[in-house]
Amino acid sequence: TRPGTGGSSQYGWRDSSWPAIRYARPRLASGSVQDFLGLSDADMEFIETRRALARQVRALRQERGLTQTALAARLKTSPARVARMEAADATVSTDLLLQPLFRLGMKRGQLAKAL
């Protein structure tokens, strides 16, 4: 039997004779992602702006009742690219994050408020 099941093993050992093994959880250093990656305040602002743009792309697409495939067709791009936009993937430029917002009818003033 397996340790901790209360029976005898094929070798005649009682499970209680198995040593108790305790695993210590590794201690994680406290701190921010910014500190860990050595990012400046300006870097963090840029990253958060890209993430906000990506959230707006998804929200506006869903508000318009579009699938990623339908939005991709409107933008003349692939559904995979739209998925990367919505994930704020580093391979997607900031201007490509802005393009779907304006094509779906968002105005600059609305964008400014959303950020």
C-alpha atoms as a PDB file:
ATOM      1  CA  THR A   1       0.000   0.000   0.000  1.00  0.00           C
ATOM      2  CA  ARG A   2       0.975   3.607  -0.235  1.00  0.00           C
ATOM      3  CA  PRO A   3       2.284   5.586   2.705  1.00  0.00           C
ATOM      4  CA  GLY A   4      -0.421   7.160   4.762  1.00  0.00           C
ATOM      5  CA  THR A   5      -3.129   4.669   3.802  1.00  0.00           C
ATOM      6  CA  GLY A   6      -3.010   2.781   7.077  1.00  0.00           C
ATOM      7  CA  GLY A   7      -2.215  -0.682   5.689  1.00  0.00           C
ATOM      8  CA  SER A   8       0.890  -2.799   5.399  1.00  0.00           C
ATOM      9  CA  SER A   9       3.186  -2.676   2.427  1.00  0.00           C
ATOM     10  CA  GLN A  10       4.334  -5.714   0.490  1.00  0.00           C
ATOM     11  CA  TYR A  11       7.522  -5.617   2.583  1.00  0.00           C
ATOM     12  CA  GLY A  12       5.697  -5.901   5.883  1.00  0.00           C
ATOM     13  CA  TRP A  13       6.287  -2.296   6.928  1.00  0.00           C
ATOM     14  CA  ARG A  14       3.512  -0.414   8.561  1.00  0.00           C
ATOM     15  CA  ASP A  15       2.854   2.842   6.846  1.00  0.00           C
ATOM     16  CA  SER A  16       3.459   4.622  10.118  1.00  0.00           C
ATOM     17  CA  SER A  17       7.124   3.626   9.817  1.00  0.00           C
ATOM     18  CA  TRP A  18       7.519   5.837   6.759  1.00  0.00           C
ATOM     19  CA  PRO A  19       9.191   9.094   7.698  1.00  0.00           C
ATOM     20  CA  ALA A  20       7.056  12.166   7.487  1.00  0.00           C
ATOM     21  CA  ILE A  21       8.400  14.407   4.772  1.00  0.00           C
ATOM     22  CA  ARG A  22       7.621  18.065   4.941  1.00  0.00           C
ATOM     23  CA  TYR A  23       8.341  20.400   2.131  1.00  0.00           C
ATOM     24  CA  ALA A  24       9.089  24.005   2.881  1.00  0.00           C
ATOM     25  CA  ARG A  25       7.561  26.560   0.587  1.00  0.00           C
ATOM     26  CA  PRO A  26      10.127  28.817  -0.961  1.00  0.00           C
ATOM     27  CA  ARG A  27      10.006  32.352   0.309  1.00  0.00           C
ATOM     28  CA  LEU A  28       9.318  34.888  -2.386  1.00  0.00           C
ATOM     29  CA  ALA A  29      10.917  38.243  -2.125  1.00  0.00           C
ATOM     30  CA  SER A  30       8.435  41.020  -1.623  1.00  0.00           C
ATOM     31  CA  GLY A  31       8.460  43.915  -4.008  1.00  0.00           C
ATOM     32  CA  SER A  32       6.869  45.119  -7.172  1.00  0.00           C
ATOM     33  CA  VAL A  33       7.175  43.946 -10.746  1.00  0.00           C
ATOM     34  CA  GLN A  34       8.646  47.347 -11.482  1.00  0.00           C
ATOM     35  CA  ASP A  35      11.436  46.762  -8.975  1.00  0.00           C
ATOM     36  CA  PHE A  36      12.016  43.181 -10.113  1.00  0.00           C
ATOM     37  CA  LEU A  37      12.340  44.161 -13.774  1.00  0.00           C
ATOM     38  CA  GLY A  38      14.125  47.423 -13.073  1.00  0.00           C
ATOM     39  CA  LEU A  39      11.541  49.528 -14.903  1.00  0.00           C
ATOM     40  CA  SER A  40      11.285  53.274 -14.622  1.00  0.00           C
ATOM     41  CA  ASP A  41       8.068  55.102 -13.798  1.00  0.00           C
ATOM     42  CA  ALA A  42       7.846  56.116 -17.471  1.00  0.00           C
ATOM     43  CA  ASP A  43       8.166  52.461 -18.533  1.00  0.00           C
ATOM     44  CA  MET A  44       5.339  51.509 -16.190  1.00  0.00           C
ATOM     45  CA  GLU A  45       3.118  54.308 -17.512  1.00  0.00           C
ATOM     46  CA  PHE A  46       3.716  53.118 -21.069  1.00  0.00           C
ATOM     47  CA  ILE A  47       2.956  49.493 -20.181  1.00  0.00           C
ATOM     48  CA  GLU A  48      -0.220  50.438 -18.327  1.00  0.00           C
ATOM     49  CA  THR A  49      -1.326  52.630 -21.246  1.00  0.00           C
ATOM     50  CA  ARG A  50      -0.875  49.719 -23.664  1.00  0.00           C
ATOM     51  CA  ARG A  51      -2.844  47.447 -21.336  1.00  0.00           C
ATOM     52  CA  ALA A  52      -5.637  50.041 -21.114  1.00  0.00           C
ATOM     53  CA  LEU A  53      -5.750  50.307 -24.911  1.00  0.00           C
ATOM     54  CA  ALA A  54      -5.964  46.524 -25.198  1.00  0.00           C
ATOM     55  CA  ARG A  55      -8.833  46.430 -22.690  1.00  0.00           C
ATOM     56  CA  GLN A  56     -10.627  49.111 -24.708  1.00  0.00           C
ATOM     57  CA  VAL A  57     -10.226  47.135 -27.948  1.00  0.00           C
ATOM     58  CA  ARG A  58     -11.841  44.091 -26.337  1.00  0.00           C
ATOM     59  CA  ALA A  59     -14.582  46.096 -24.614  1.00  0.00           C
ATOM     60  CA  LEU A  60     -15.519  48.011 -27.757  1.00  0.00           C
ATOM     61  CA  ARG A  61     -15.483  44.839 -29.876  1.00  0.00           C
ATOM     62  CA  GLN A  62     -17.776  43.088 -27.419  1.00  0.00           C
ATOM     63  CA  GLU A  63     -20.007  46.159 -27.100  1.00  0.00           C
ATOM     64  CA  ARG A  64     -20.452  46.130 -30.882  1.00  0.00           C
ATOM     65  CA  GLY A  65     -21.268  42.404 -30.776  1.00  0.00           C
ATOM     66  CA  LEU A  66     -18.290  41.435 -32.909  1.00  0.00           C
ATOM     67  CA  THR A  67     -16.170  38.317 -32.738  1.00  0.00           C
ATOM     68  CA  GLN A  68     -12.409  38.550 -33.075  1.00  0.00           C
ATOM     69  CA  THR A  69     -12.806  37.091 -36.563  1.00  0.00           C
ATOM     70  CA  ALA A  70     -15.341  39.756 -37.567  1.00  0.00           C
ATOM     71  CA  LEU A  71     -13.136  42.540 -36.225  1.00  0.00           C
ATOM     72  CA  ALA A  72     -10.152  41.043 -38.033  1.00  0.00           C
ATOM     73  CA  ALA A  73     -12.119  41.154 -41.301  1.00  0.00           C
ATOM     74  CA  ARG A  74     -12.935  44.848 -40.739  1.00  0.00           C
ATOM     75  CA  LEU A  75      -9.298  45.612 -40.008  1.00  0.00           C
ATOM     76  CA  LYS A  76      -8.028  43.417 -42.875  1.00  0.00           C
ATOM     77  CA  THR A  77      -5.870  41.422 -40.497  1.00  0.00           C
ATOM     78  CA  SER A  78      -5.945  37.980 -38.918  1.00  0.00           C
ATOM     79  CA  PRO A  79      -7.976  36.858 -35.898  1.00  0.00           C
ATOM     80  CA  ALA A  80      -4.680  35.912 -34.274  1.00  0.00           C
ATOM     81  CA  ARG A  81      -3.504  39.512 -34.591  1.00  0.00           C
ATOM     82  CA  VAL A  82      -6.732  40.733 -32.960  1.00  0.00           C
ATOM     83  CA  ALA A  83      -6.169  38.263 -30.116  1.00  0.00           C
ATOM     84  CA  ARG A  84      -2.635  39.624 -29.693  1.00  0.00           C
ATOM     85  CA  MET A  85      -4.020  43.184 -29.684  1.00  0.00           C
ATOM     86  CA  GLU A  86      -6.461  42.308 -26.930  1.00  0.00           C
ATOM     87  CA  ALA A  87      -3.672  40.671 -24.941  1.00  0.00           C
ATOM     88  CA  ALA A  88      -1.440  43.764 -25.313  1.00  0.00           C
ATOM     89  CA  ASP A  89       1.199  41.496 -26.827  1.00  0.00           C
ATOM     90  CA  ALA A  90       4.587  43.174 -27.207  1.00  0.00           C
ATOM     91  CA  THR A  91       4.617  42.297 -30.936  1.00  0.00           C
ATOM     92  CA  VAL A  92       1.663  44.643 -31.517  1.00  0.00           C
ATOM     93  CA  SER A  93       2.589  48.292 -31.902  1.00  0.00           C
ATOM     94  CA  THR A  94       0.748  51.032 -30.096  1.00  0.00           C
ATOM     95  CA  ASP A  95      -0.628  52.422 -33.356  1.00  0.00           C
ATOM     96  CA  LEU A  96      -2.151  49.007 -34.099  1.00  0.00           C
ATOM     97  CA  LEU A  97      -3.872  49.164 -30.722  1.00  0.00           C
ATOM     98  CA  LEU A  98      -5.333  52.568 -31.609  1.00  0.00           C
ATOM     99  CA  GLN A  99      -6.484  51.667 -35.111  1.00  0.00           C
ATOM    100  CA  PRO A 100      -9.366  49.325 -34.155  1.00  0.00           C
ATOM    101  CA  LEU A 101     -10.644  51.806 -31.599  1.00  0.00           C
ATOM    102  CA  PHE A 102     -10.985  54.580 -34.159  1.00  0.00           C
ATOM    103  CA  ARG A 103     -12.336  52.212 -36.829  1.00  0.00           C
ATOM    104  CA  LEU A 104     -15.056  51.131 -34.416  1.00  0.00           C
ATOM    105  CA  GLY A 105     -16.098  54.732 -33.885  1.00  0.00           C
ATOM    106  CA  MET A 106     -14.279  55.828 -30.743  1.00  0.00           C
ATOM    107  CA  LYS A 107     -13.393  59.520 -30.638  1.00  0.00           C
ATOM    108  CA  ARG A 108     -10.187  60.987 -29.205  1.00  0.00           C
ATOM    109  CA  GLY A 109     -12.066  62.534 -26.282  1.00  0.00           C
ATOM    110  CA  GLN A 110     -13.596  59.166 -25.405  1.00  0.00           C
ATOM    111  CA  LEU A 111     -10.188  57.555 -25.640  1.00  0.00           C
ATOM    112  CA  ALA A 112      -8.672  60.163 -23.345  1.00  0.00           C
ATOM    113  CA  LYS A 113     -11.361  59.516 -20.734  1.00  0.00           C
ATOM    114  CA  ALA A 114     -10.899  55.758 -21.026  1.00  0.00           C
ATOM    115  CA  LEU A 115      -7.190  56.029 -20.314  1.00  0.00           C
END
